N, C-alpha and C. Protein backbone atom coordinates (compact mmCIF):
# COMPACT_ATOMS: atom_id res chain seq x y z
N ILE A 1 65.80 79.16 84.42
CA ILE A 1 67.25 79.02 84.60
C ILE A 1 67.81 80.26 85.28
N ALA A 2 67.32 81.44 84.87
CA ALA A 2 67.81 82.68 85.49
C ALA A 2 67.44 82.73 86.96
N LEU A 3 66.22 82.30 87.30
CA LEU A 3 65.82 82.27 88.71
C LEU A 3 66.66 81.29 89.50
N GLU A 4 66.94 80.13 88.89
CA GLU A 4 67.75 79.13 89.57
C GLU A 4 69.14 79.68 89.87
N ARG A 5 69.75 80.34 88.90
CA ARG A 5 71.07 80.92 89.12
C ARG A 5 71.01 82.06 90.13
N LEU A 6 69.94 82.82 90.08
CA LEU A 6 69.82 83.97 90.98
C LEU A 6 69.74 83.53 92.43
N VAL A 7 68.96 82.49 92.70
CA VAL A 7 68.81 82.01 94.07
C VAL A 7 70.04 81.24 94.52
N GLY A 8 70.71 80.56 93.60
CA GLY A 8 71.84 79.72 93.97
C GLY A 8 73.17 80.44 94.08
N THR A 9 73.23 81.71 93.70
CA THR A 9 74.48 82.45 93.79
C THR A 9 74.84 82.74 95.25
N PRO A 10 76.11 82.60 95.65
CA PRO A 10 76.48 82.90 97.04
C PRO A 10 76.16 84.34 97.42
N ASP A 11 76.09 84.58 98.72
CA ASP A 11 75.74 85.91 99.23
C ASP A 11 76.80 86.93 98.82
N ARG A 12 76.31 88.14 98.52
CA ARG A 12 77.18 89.25 98.17
C ARG A 12 77.51 90.06 99.43
N PRO A 13 78.59 90.86 99.39
CA PRO A 13 79.01 91.57 100.61
C PRO A 13 78.01 92.61 101.08
N THR A 14 77.27 93.26 100.18
CA THR A 14 76.33 94.29 100.57
C THR A 14 74.95 93.97 100.03
N LEU A 15 73.93 94.62 100.64
CA LEU A 15 72.56 94.39 100.20
C LEU A 15 72.34 94.93 98.79
N GLY A 16 72.98 96.07 98.46
CA GLY A 16 72.84 96.62 97.12
C GLY A 16 73.40 95.70 96.07
N ALA A 17 74.50 95.01 96.41
CA ALA A 17 75.10 94.08 95.45
C ALA A 17 74.20 92.88 95.19
N GLU A 18 73.31 92.57 96.13
CA GLU A 18 72.39 91.46 95.93
C GLU A 18 71.45 91.74 94.75
N PHE A 19 71.09 92.99 94.54
CA PHE A 19 70.18 93.34 93.45
C PHE A 19 70.91 93.54 92.13
N LEU A 20 72.18 93.91 92.19
CA LEU A 20 72.93 94.21 90.96
C LEU A 20 73.64 92.95 90.48
N GLN A 21 72.87 91.98 90.01
CA GLN A 21 73.41 90.74 89.50
C GLN A 21 72.92 90.52 88.08
N ARG A 22 73.78 89.92 87.28
CA ARG A 22 73.44 89.69 85.87
C ARG A 22 72.23 88.78 85.74
N ALA A 23 72.17 87.74 86.57
CA ALA A 23 71.03 86.83 86.50
C ALA A 23 69.74 87.54 86.87
N GLY A 24 69.81 88.48 87.82
CA GLY A 24 68.63 89.22 88.22
C GLY A 24 68.11 90.12 87.10
N PHE A 25 69.03 90.83 86.43
CA PHE A 25 68.63 91.68 85.31
C PHE A 25 68.10 90.84 84.15
N GLY A 26 68.72 89.68 83.92
CA GLY A 26 68.24 88.81 82.86
C GLY A 26 66.85 88.28 83.13
N ALA A 27 66.60 87.83 84.37
CA ALA A 27 65.27 87.34 84.73
C ALA A 27 64.24 88.46 84.66
N ALA A 28 64.64 89.67 85.07
CA ALA A 28 63.71 90.80 85.02
C ALA A 28 63.36 91.16 83.58
N ALA A 29 64.35 91.19 82.69
CA ALA A 29 64.10 91.55 81.30
C ALA A 29 63.23 90.50 80.61
N LEU A 30 63.55 89.24 80.82
CA LEU A 30 62.77 88.18 80.19
C LEU A 30 61.35 88.13 80.75
N GLY A 31 61.21 88.30 82.06
CA GLY A 31 59.89 88.28 82.66
C GLY A 31 59.02 89.44 82.20
N ALA A 32 59.61 90.63 82.12
CA ALA A 32 58.84 91.79 81.66
C ALA A 32 58.42 91.64 80.20
N THR A 33 59.31 91.10 79.37
CA THR A 33 58.97 90.90 77.96
C THR A 33 57.84 89.90 77.79
N ALA A 34 57.93 88.79 78.52
CA ALA A 34 56.88 87.77 78.43
C ALA A 34 55.55 88.32 78.93
N ALA A 35 55.57 89.07 80.03
CA ALA A 35 54.32 89.61 80.59
C ALA A 35 53.71 90.66 79.67
N PHE A 36 54.55 91.44 78.98
CA PHE A 36 54.03 92.46 78.08
C PHE A 36 53.42 91.83 76.82
N LEU A 37 54.06 90.78 76.30
CA LEU A 37 53.56 90.14 75.09
C LEU A 37 52.35 89.26 75.38
N HIS A 38 52.40 88.51 76.46
CA HIS A 38 51.33 87.57 76.83
C HIS A 38 51.09 87.68 78.33
N PRO A 39 50.07 88.40 78.76
CA PRO A 39 49.85 88.59 80.20
C PRO A 39 49.69 87.30 80.98
N TRP A 40 49.10 86.28 80.37
CA TRP A 40 48.92 85.02 81.10
C TRP A 40 50.27 84.37 81.39
N GLN A 41 51.24 84.54 80.50
CA GLN A 41 52.57 84.01 80.79
C GLN A 41 53.24 84.81 81.91
N GLY A 42 53.00 86.11 81.95
CA GLY A 42 53.52 86.90 83.04
C GLY A 42 52.95 86.47 84.38
N THR A 43 51.66 86.13 84.38
CA THR A 43 51.04 85.64 85.62
C THR A 43 51.67 84.32 86.04
N GLU A 44 51.91 83.44 85.09
CA GLU A 44 52.56 82.16 85.41
C GLU A 44 53.95 82.39 85.99
N LEU A 45 54.72 83.31 85.40
CA LEU A 45 56.06 83.58 85.90
C LEU A 45 56.02 84.18 87.30
N ALA A 46 55.05 85.03 87.56
CA ALA A 46 54.91 85.60 88.90
C ALA A 46 54.60 84.52 89.93
N VAL A 47 53.71 83.60 89.57
CA VAL A 47 53.37 82.50 90.48
C VAL A 47 54.59 81.60 90.69
N LEU A 48 55.35 81.34 89.62
CA LEU A 48 56.56 80.53 89.74
C LEU A 48 57.57 81.19 90.68
N THR A 49 57.75 82.50 90.55
CA THR A 49 58.72 83.21 91.38
C THR A 49 58.33 83.17 92.85
N VAL A 50 57.07 83.46 93.14
CA VAL A 50 56.61 83.43 94.52
C VAL A 50 56.63 82.00 95.06
N GLY A 51 56.21 81.05 94.23
CA GLY A 51 56.22 79.65 94.68
C GLY A 51 57.60 79.14 94.98
N LEU A 52 58.58 79.53 94.17
CA LEU A 52 59.96 79.10 94.42
C LEU A 52 60.47 79.68 95.74
N ALA A 53 60.15 80.96 96.01
CA ALA A 53 60.58 81.58 97.26
C ALA A 53 59.96 80.88 98.48
N ILE A 54 58.71 80.46 98.34
CA ILE A 54 58.04 79.80 99.47
C ILE A 54 58.57 78.38 99.66
N TRP A 55 58.77 77.67 98.55
CA TRP A 55 59.14 76.26 98.64
C TRP A 55 60.61 76.10 99.05
N SER A 56 61.50 76.79 98.39
CA SER A 56 62.93 76.60 98.66
C SER A 56 63.39 77.30 99.94
N ARG A 57 62.65 78.30 100.40
CA ARG A 57 62.97 79.03 101.62
C ARG A 57 64.43 79.49 101.66
N PRO A 58 64.82 80.32 100.71
CA PRO A 58 66.21 80.81 100.71
C PRO A 58 66.42 81.79 101.85
N PRO A 59 67.67 82.08 102.21
CA PRO A 59 67.93 83.11 103.22
C PRO A 59 67.31 84.44 102.80
N PRO A 60 67.01 85.32 103.76
CA PRO A 60 66.32 86.57 103.42
C PRO A 60 67.01 87.39 102.34
N ARG A 61 68.34 87.45 102.37
CA ARG A 61 69.04 88.26 101.37
C ARG A 61 68.92 87.64 99.98
N ARG A 62 68.92 86.33 99.88
CA ARG A 62 68.73 85.71 98.57
C ARG A 62 67.29 85.82 98.11
N ALA A 63 66.35 85.76 99.05
CA ALA A 63 64.95 85.93 98.67
C ALA A 63 64.70 87.35 98.16
N ALA A 64 65.43 88.32 98.69
CA ALA A 64 65.26 89.70 98.24
C ALA A 64 65.66 89.88 96.79
N ARG A 65 66.52 89.01 96.28
CA ARG A 65 66.92 89.11 94.88
C ARG A 65 65.75 88.91 93.93
N LEU A 66 64.73 88.20 94.39
CA LEU A 66 63.58 87.91 93.53
C LEU A 66 62.65 89.11 93.38
N LEU A 67 62.87 90.15 94.17
CA LEU A 67 61.99 91.32 94.10
C LEU A 67 62.11 92.03 92.75
N LEU A 68 63.31 92.12 92.22
CA LEU A 68 63.50 92.80 90.93
C LEU A 68 62.77 92.08 89.80
N PRO A 69 62.95 90.76 89.61
CA PRO A 69 62.17 90.08 88.56
C PRO A 69 60.66 90.15 88.80
N LEU A 70 60.27 90.05 90.07
CA LEU A 70 58.84 90.08 90.37
C LEU A 70 58.25 91.46 90.06
N ALA A 71 58.97 92.52 90.39
CA ALA A 71 58.48 93.87 90.07
C ALA A 71 58.43 94.10 88.56
N SER A 72 59.40 93.58 87.84
CA SER A 72 59.42 93.74 86.38
C SER A 72 58.26 93.00 85.73
N ILE A 73 57.86 91.89 86.29
CA ILE A 73 56.71 91.16 85.77
C ILE A 73 55.41 91.88 86.13
N ALA A 74 55.37 92.47 87.33
CA ALA A 74 54.14 93.09 87.82
C ALA A 74 53.78 94.35 87.04
N LEU A 75 54.77 95.10 86.55
CA LEU A 75 54.48 96.36 85.86
C LEU A 75 53.63 96.16 84.59
N PRO A 76 54.01 95.24 83.67
CA PRO A 76 53.12 95.03 82.50
C PRO A 76 51.75 94.49 82.89
N LEU A 77 51.70 93.64 83.92
CA LEU A 77 50.40 93.12 84.35
C LEU A 77 49.53 94.24 84.91
N LEU A 78 50.14 95.17 85.64
CA LEU A 78 49.39 96.32 86.14
C LEU A 78 48.90 97.19 84.99
N TYR A 79 49.72 97.32 83.96
CA TYR A 79 49.32 98.09 82.77
C TYR A 79 48.09 97.48 82.11
N TYR A 80 48.10 96.15 81.93
CA TYR A 80 46.95 95.49 81.31
C TYR A 80 45.73 95.52 82.22
N LEU A 81 45.94 95.62 83.53
CA LEU A 81 44.81 95.71 84.45
C LEU A 81 44.15 97.09 84.39
N ILE A 82 44.95 98.13 84.19
CA ILE A 82 44.42 99.49 84.13
C ILE A 82 43.85 99.82 82.75
N LEU A 83 44.41 99.21 81.71
CA LEU A 83 44.06 99.59 80.33
C LEU A 83 42.58 99.51 80.03
N PRO A 84 41.84 98.45 80.42
CA PRO A 84 40.39 98.44 80.11
C PRO A 84 39.61 99.54 80.81
N ARG A 85 40.16 100.12 81.85
CA ARG A 85 39.46 101.17 82.59
C ARG A 85 39.67 102.56 81.98
N ILE A 86 40.66 102.67 81.10
CA ILE A 86 40.94 103.98 80.51
C ILE A 86 40.76 103.99 78.99
N ASP A 87 40.52 102.83 78.40
CA ASP A 87 40.36 102.75 76.95
C ASP A 87 39.11 101.94 76.64
N ALA A 88 38.20 102.52 75.87
CA ALA A 88 36.93 101.86 75.56
C ALA A 88 37.12 100.61 74.71
N GLY A 89 38.07 100.66 73.77
CA GLY A 89 38.32 99.49 72.93
C GLY A 89 38.79 98.30 73.73
N TRP A 90 39.72 98.52 74.65
CA TRP A 90 40.19 97.43 75.49
C TRP A 90 39.10 96.95 76.44
N ALA A 91 38.24 97.85 76.87
CA ALA A 91 37.13 97.43 77.74
C ALA A 91 36.19 96.50 77.01
N THR A 92 35.90 96.83 75.74
CA THR A 92 35.04 95.95 74.94
C THR A 92 35.69 94.59 74.71
N PHE A 93 36.98 94.61 74.40
CA PHE A 93 37.70 93.35 74.20
C PHE A 93 37.73 92.53 75.48
N ASN A 94 37.90 93.20 76.61
CA ASN A 94 37.96 92.51 77.89
C ASN A 94 36.63 91.83 78.21
N ARG A 95 35.52 92.52 77.91
CA ARG A 95 34.20 91.93 78.17
C ARG A 95 33.91 90.78 77.23
N SER A 96 34.31 90.92 75.96
CA SER A 96 34.06 89.84 75.00
C SER A 96 34.88 88.61 75.32
N GLY A 97 36.08 88.79 75.87
CA GLY A 97 36.92 87.65 76.20
C GLY A 97 36.41 86.85 77.36
N GLN A 98 35.54 87.44 78.19
CA GLN A 98 35.01 86.72 79.34
C GLN A 98 33.83 85.83 78.99
N HIS A 99 33.37 85.87 77.74
CA HIS A 99 32.20 85.08 77.35
C HIS A 99 32.56 84.05 76.28
N ARG A 100 33.79 83.57 76.33
CA ARG A 100 34.18 82.54 75.37
C ARG A 100 33.56 81.20 75.75
N ALA A 101 33.53 80.31 74.77
CA ALA A 101 32.96 78.98 75.01
C ALA A 101 33.82 78.23 76.01
N HIS A 102 33.14 77.45 76.85
CA HIS A 102 33.82 76.67 77.87
C HIS A 102 34.00 75.23 77.39
N ILE A 103 35.03 74.59 77.91
CA ILE A 103 35.29 73.19 77.59
C ILE A 103 34.54 72.32 78.58
N GLY A 104 33.82 71.33 78.08
CA GLY A 104 33.07 70.43 78.94
C GLY A 104 33.97 69.48 79.70
N LEU A 105 33.37 68.78 80.64
CA LEU A 105 34.13 67.85 81.48
C LEU A 105 34.78 66.76 80.64
N LEU A 106 34.06 66.24 79.66
CA LEU A 106 34.61 65.19 78.80
C LEU A 106 35.82 65.71 78.02
N GLY A 107 35.75 66.96 77.59
CA GLY A 107 36.88 67.54 76.88
C GLY A 107 38.12 67.65 77.75
N TRP A 108 37.93 68.07 79.01
CA TRP A 108 39.07 68.14 79.94
C TRP A 108 39.67 66.77 80.19
N LEU A 109 38.81 65.77 80.39
CA LEU A 109 39.29 64.43 80.70
C LEU A 109 40.05 63.82 79.54
N THR A 110 39.53 63.99 78.33
CA THR A 110 40.19 63.38 77.18
C THR A 110 41.45 64.14 76.77
N THR A 111 41.50 65.44 77.08
CA THR A 111 42.66 66.24 76.67
C THR A 111 43.81 66.12 77.66
N PHE A 112 43.50 66.27 78.94
CA PHE A 112 44.57 66.32 79.95
C PHE A 112 44.62 65.07 80.83
N GLY A 113 43.57 64.28 80.80
CA GLY A 113 43.55 63.10 81.67
C GLY A 113 44.72 62.16 81.46
N PRO A 114 44.99 61.71 80.21
CA PRO A 114 46.09 60.75 80.02
C PRO A 114 47.45 61.29 80.43
N VAL A 115 47.76 62.54 80.07
CA VAL A 115 49.09 63.06 80.38
C VAL A 115 49.24 63.34 81.88
N VAL A 116 48.16 63.73 82.54
CA VAL A 116 48.23 63.95 83.99
C VAL A 116 48.42 62.62 84.72
N LEU A 117 47.67 61.61 84.31
CA LEU A 117 47.80 60.30 84.95
C LEU A 117 49.20 59.71 84.75
N SER A 118 49.73 59.86 83.54
CA SER A 118 51.05 59.30 83.27
C SER A 118 52.15 60.03 84.02
N SER A 119 51.90 61.27 84.45
CA SER A 119 52.93 62.04 85.16
C SER A 119 52.91 61.81 86.67
N ILE A 120 51.98 61.01 87.17
CA ILE A 120 51.87 60.80 88.63
C ILE A 120 53.17 60.28 89.23
N PRO A 121 53.85 59.28 88.63
CA PRO A 121 55.13 58.85 89.24
C PRO A 121 56.15 59.96 89.36
N GLY A 122 56.13 60.91 88.44
CA GLY A 122 57.06 62.03 88.52
C GLY A 122 56.79 62.94 89.69
N TRP A 123 55.50 63.13 90.03
CA TRP A 123 55.15 63.95 91.18
C TRP A 123 55.60 63.31 92.48
N ARG A 124 55.71 61.99 92.48
CA ARG A 124 56.08 61.29 93.72
C ARG A 124 57.58 61.32 93.99
N THR A 125 58.37 61.69 93.00
CA THR A 125 59.81 61.77 93.22
C THR A 125 60.16 63.06 93.96
N ARG A 126 61.29 63.06 94.62
CA ARG A 126 61.68 64.19 95.46
C ARG A 126 62.30 65.29 94.61
N ALA A 127 61.88 66.52 94.84
CA ALA A 127 62.45 67.68 94.15
C ALA A 127 63.67 68.15 94.92
N ALA A 128 64.86 67.77 94.45
CA ALA A 128 66.09 68.05 95.19
C ALA A 128 66.77 69.34 94.78
N SER A 129 66.26 70.03 93.78
CA SER A 129 66.90 71.26 93.30
C SER A 129 65.82 72.27 92.95
N ASP A 130 66.25 73.54 92.79
CA ASP A 130 65.29 74.58 92.41
C ASP A 130 64.72 74.31 91.02
N ARG A 131 65.49 73.73 90.14
CA ARG A 131 64.98 73.41 88.80
C ARG A 131 63.85 72.39 88.88
N GLN A 132 64.01 71.39 89.75
CA GLN A 132 62.96 70.40 89.92
C GLN A 132 61.74 71.00 90.60
N ARG A 133 61.96 71.93 91.50
CA ARG A 133 60.82 72.61 92.14
C ARG A 133 60.06 73.44 91.12
N LEU A 134 60.78 74.17 90.28
CA LEU A 134 60.12 74.96 89.24
C LEU A 134 59.35 74.07 88.27
N LEU A 135 59.88 72.89 87.99
CA LEU A 135 59.20 71.95 87.09
C LEU A 135 57.86 71.54 87.66
N ARG A 136 57.79 71.32 88.96
CA ARG A 136 56.54 70.93 89.61
C ARG A 136 55.61 72.11 89.83
N LEU A 137 56.17 73.30 89.95
CA LEU A 137 55.35 74.50 90.13
C LEU A 137 54.72 74.96 88.82
N TRP A 138 55.31 74.59 87.70
CA TRP A 138 54.84 75.06 86.40
C TRP A 138 53.38 74.68 86.15
N PRO A 139 52.98 73.39 86.24
CA PRO A 139 51.56 73.07 86.01
C PRO A 139 50.64 73.75 87.02
N LEU A 140 51.09 73.91 88.26
CA LEU A 140 50.27 74.58 89.26
C LEU A 140 50.09 76.06 88.91
N ALA A 141 51.15 76.68 88.38
CA ALA A 141 51.05 78.08 87.95
C ALA A 141 50.06 78.23 86.80
N VAL A 142 50.05 77.26 85.90
CA VAL A 142 49.09 77.29 84.78
C VAL A 142 47.67 77.19 85.31
N LEU A 143 47.45 76.30 86.28
CA LEU A 143 46.11 76.13 86.84
C LEU A 143 45.66 77.39 87.57
N ILE A 144 46.55 78.01 88.35
CA ILE A 144 46.20 79.24 89.05
C ILE A 144 45.90 80.36 88.06
N THR A 145 46.69 80.44 86.99
CA THR A 145 46.44 81.46 85.96
C THR A 145 45.09 81.26 85.30
N PHE A 146 44.73 80.02 85.04
CA PHE A 146 43.43 79.73 84.43
C PHE A 146 42.29 80.18 85.32
N VAL A 147 42.44 80.04 86.62
CA VAL A 147 41.38 80.40 87.55
C VAL A 147 41.32 81.91 87.77
N VAL A 148 42.48 82.57 87.84
CA VAL A 148 42.53 83.98 88.25
C VAL A 148 42.34 84.93 87.08
N VAL A 149 43.01 84.67 85.96
CA VAL A 149 43.02 85.62 84.85
C VAL A 149 41.69 85.57 84.10
N PRO A 150 41.02 86.71 83.90
CA PRO A 150 39.74 86.69 83.19
C PRO A 150 39.87 86.39 81.71
N ASN A 151 40.95 86.88 81.07
CA ASN A 151 41.19 86.63 79.65
C ASN A 151 42.45 85.79 79.50
N GLY A 152 42.53 85.06 78.39
CA GLY A 152 43.70 84.21 78.16
C GLY A 152 43.69 82.94 78.97
N LYS A 153 42.49 82.50 79.38
CA LYS A 153 42.41 81.29 80.20
C LYS A 153 42.96 80.08 79.46
N PHE A 154 42.44 79.86 78.24
CA PHE A 154 42.84 78.67 77.51
C PHE A 154 44.25 78.80 76.95
N GLU A 155 44.68 80.04 76.67
CA GLU A 155 46.05 80.24 76.21
C GLU A 155 47.05 79.86 77.30
N ALA A 156 46.62 79.93 78.56
CA ALA A 156 47.53 79.60 79.67
C ALA A 156 47.98 78.14 79.62
N PHE A 157 47.19 77.29 78.98
CA PHE A 157 47.55 75.87 78.92
C PHE A 157 48.55 75.56 77.81
N ALA A 158 48.91 76.56 77.01
CA ALA A 158 49.91 76.33 75.97
C ALA A 158 51.26 76.03 76.62
N GLY A 159 51.80 74.89 76.30
CA GLY A 159 53.10 74.51 76.84
C GLY A 159 53.05 73.72 78.12
N VAL A 160 51.85 73.50 78.70
CA VAL A 160 51.79 72.76 79.96
C VAL A 160 52.18 71.29 79.76
N SER A 161 52.11 70.81 78.52
CA SER A 161 52.51 69.42 78.27
C SER A 161 54.01 69.22 78.45
N VAL A 162 54.79 70.31 78.39
CA VAL A 162 56.25 70.18 78.55
C VAL A 162 56.62 69.72 79.96
N PRO A 163 56.19 70.41 81.03
CA PRO A 163 56.55 69.90 82.36
C PRO A 163 55.91 68.56 82.68
N LEU A 164 54.68 68.34 82.20
CA LEU A 164 54.05 67.05 82.45
C LEU A 164 54.79 65.91 81.75
N ALA A 165 55.28 66.17 80.54
CA ALA A 165 56.04 65.15 79.82
C ALA A 165 57.37 64.86 80.53
N LEU A 166 58.04 65.92 81.01
CA LEU A 166 59.29 65.72 81.73
C LEU A 166 59.07 64.95 83.03
N LEU A 167 58.00 65.26 83.75
CA LEU A 167 57.68 64.52 84.96
C LEU A 167 57.36 63.06 84.65
N THR A 168 56.70 62.84 83.51
CA THR A 168 56.39 61.46 83.11
C THR A 168 57.66 60.67 82.86
N VAL A 169 58.59 61.24 82.12
CA VAL A 169 59.84 60.55 81.82
C VAL A 169 60.64 60.30 83.09
N GLN A 170 60.78 61.32 83.94
CA GLN A 170 61.54 61.16 85.17
C GLN A 170 60.90 60.13 86.09
N GLY A 171 59.58 60.19 86.23
CA GLY A 171 58.90 59.28 87.14
C GLY A 171 58.98 57.84 86.71
N TRP A 172 58.68 57.58 85.42
CA TRP A 172 58.70 56.19 84.96
C TRP A 172 60.12 55.64 84.85
N ARG A 173 61.09 56.50 84.60
CA ARG A 173 62.48 56.05 84.63
C ARG A 173 62.85 55.57 86.03
N ARG A 174 62.38 56.29 87.04
CA ARG A 174 62.65 55.89 88.42
C ARG A 174 61.92 54.59 88.76
N VAL A 175 60.68 54.45 88.31
CA VAL A 175 59.91 53.24 88.57
C VAL A 175 60.59 52.02 87.93
N LEU A 176 60.98 52.15 86.66
CA LEU A 176 61.61 51.03 85.97
C LEU A 176 62.96 50.69 86.58
N GLU A 177 63.71 51.70 87.01
CA GLU A 177 65.00 51.44 87.62
C GLU A 177 64.84 50.73 88.96
N ASP A 178 63.86 51.14 89.75
CA ASP A 178 63.62 50.48 91.04
C ASP A 178 63.21 49.04 90.84
N ARG A 179 62.38 48.78 89.87
CA ARG A 179 61.94 47.40 89.62
C ARG A 179 63.07 46.56 89.05
N ARG A 180 63.93 47.18 88.26
CA ARG A 180 65.07 46.42 87.73
C ARG A 180 66.03 46.03 88.84
N GLN A 181 66.28 46.96 89.76
CA GLN A 181 67.17 46.66 90.88
C GLN A 181 66.57 45.63 91.81
N ALA A 182 65.25 45.57 91.86
CA ALA A 182 64.59 44.57 92.70
C ALA A 182 64.51 43.21 92.02
N GLY A 183 65.02 43.10 90.81
CA GLY A 183 65.03 41.81 90.11
C GLY A 183 63.73 41.48 89.42
N ARG A 184 62.89 42.45 89.22
CA ARG A 184 61.61 42.22 88.56
C ARG A 184 61.63 42.89 87.19
N ASN A 185 61.22 42.16 86.19
CA ASN A 185 61.16 42.69 84.83
C ASN A 185 59.79 43.29 84.61
N PRO A 186 59.66 44.62 84.67
CA PRO A 186 58.32 45.22 84.60
C PRO A 186 57.66 44.97 83.26
N TRP A 187 56.35 44.72 83.32
CA TRP A 187 55.60 44.46 82.09
C TRP A 187 55.59 45.69 81.20
N VAL A 188 55.69 46.88 81.79
CA VAL A 188 55.72 48.09 80.96
C VAL A 188 56.96 48.09 80.09
N LEU A 189 58.10 47.69 80.68
CA LEU A 189 59.34 47.66 79.91
C LEU A 189 59.25 46.61 78.80
N ARG A 190 58.68 45.45 79.11
CA ARG A 190 58.53 44.41 78.08
C ARG A 190 57.63 44.89 76.95
N PHE A 191 56.56 45.60 77.30
CA PHE A 191 55.65 46.12 76.28
C PHE A 191 56.36 47.14 75.39
N LEU A 192 57.12 48.05 75.99
CA LEU A 192 57.81 49.06 75.21
C LEU A 192 58.86 48.43 74.30
N LEU A 193 59.58 47.44 74.82
CA LEU A 193 60.59 46.78 74.00
C LEU A 193 59.94 46.04 72.83
N THR A 194 58.83 45.35 73.11
CA THR A 194 58.13 44.62 72.05
C THR A 194 57.57 45.57 71.01
N ALA A 195 56.97 46.67 71.46
CA ALA A 195 56.42 47.64 70.52
C ALA A 195 57.52 48.26 69.67
N GLY A 196 58.68 48.51 70.29
CA GLY A 196 59.79 49.08 69.53
C GLY A 196 60.31 48.12 68.48
N VAL A 197 60.40 46.82 68.82
CA VAL A 197 60.88 45.83 67.85
C VAL A 197 59.90 45.68 66.70
N VAL A 198 58.58 45.64 67.02
CA VAL A 198 57.57 45.49 65.98
C VAL A 198 57.59 46.70 65.04
N ALA A 199 57.71 47.91 65.64
CA ALA A 199 57.72 49.11 64.81
C ALA A 199 58.96 49.17 63.93
N ARG A 200 60.07 48.64 64.44
CA ARG A 200 61.30 48.72 63.66
C ARG A 200 61.34 47.70 62.53
N THR A 201 60.72 46.53 62.76
CA THR A 201 60.75 45.48 61.76
C THR A 201 59.55 45.53 60.82
N ALA A 202 58.60 46.41 61.08
CA ALA A 202 57.42 46.48 60.21
C ALA A 202 57.83 46.99 58.84
N PRO A 203 57.26 46.41 57.77
CA PRO A 203 57.62 46.86 56.41
C PRO A 203 57.14 48.27 56.17
N ASN A 204 57.90 49.00 55.42
CA ASN A 204 57.55 50.38 55.07
C ASN A 204 56.62 50.36 53.87
N THR A 205 55.37 50.76 54.09
CA THR A 205 54.37 50.71 53.03
C THR A 205 54.25 52.01 52.26
N SER A 206 55.04 53.02 52.66
CA SER A 206 54.93 54.30 51.97
C SER A 206 55.56 54.20 50.58
N THR A 207 55.05 54.95 49.67
CA THR A 207 55.55 54.94 48.30
C THR A 207 56.10 56.31 47.97
N THR A 208 57.05 56.31 47.10
CA THR A 208 57.65 57.57 46.66
C THR A 208 57.21 57.86 45.24
N THR A 209 57.05 59.11 44.94
CA THR A 209 56.65 59.49 43.59
C THR A 209 57.79 60.20 42.92
């Protein structure tokens, strides 16, 4: 939200005023805190910031506003990058984290396959705002973090179901609305309505003590 407001704010009279914005300081503070507490989240935020600048293509002065949040995120990440080289304990932890058990192909398919497939209609809709662009960049940022970051790979997937669930709802809402306007009663809608009626009329078998 802070990035969205930062990019969407009208141009300021001077270049210095472009950096001195409340949304910029808020995004920088939140980004630095997240990166310091969880480096993988900082990496995701950095990818989101760069991805938004590339995708939305704001004017140069508005794009410059993203430098402050990006620098604030980069500082804790640089700290965690240097720490294993100057501290033996962190070096040992860093090496042990690189030898964690891997998830097999079947595990990936059963865990993420259904939610990814259900979100396909959402990916096909047009991203008309920076918020929608960030929503689509979020899963990609998680995937890039998983590939790039040596530690915290699996932690990077925490919360990825949120953007995928939102894309699923938006996509299927659009599909059902298009079919309704075309005069076709989609079987998915009939199934959901039937399941809802059955669940609502089913007797409650739970007992109270």
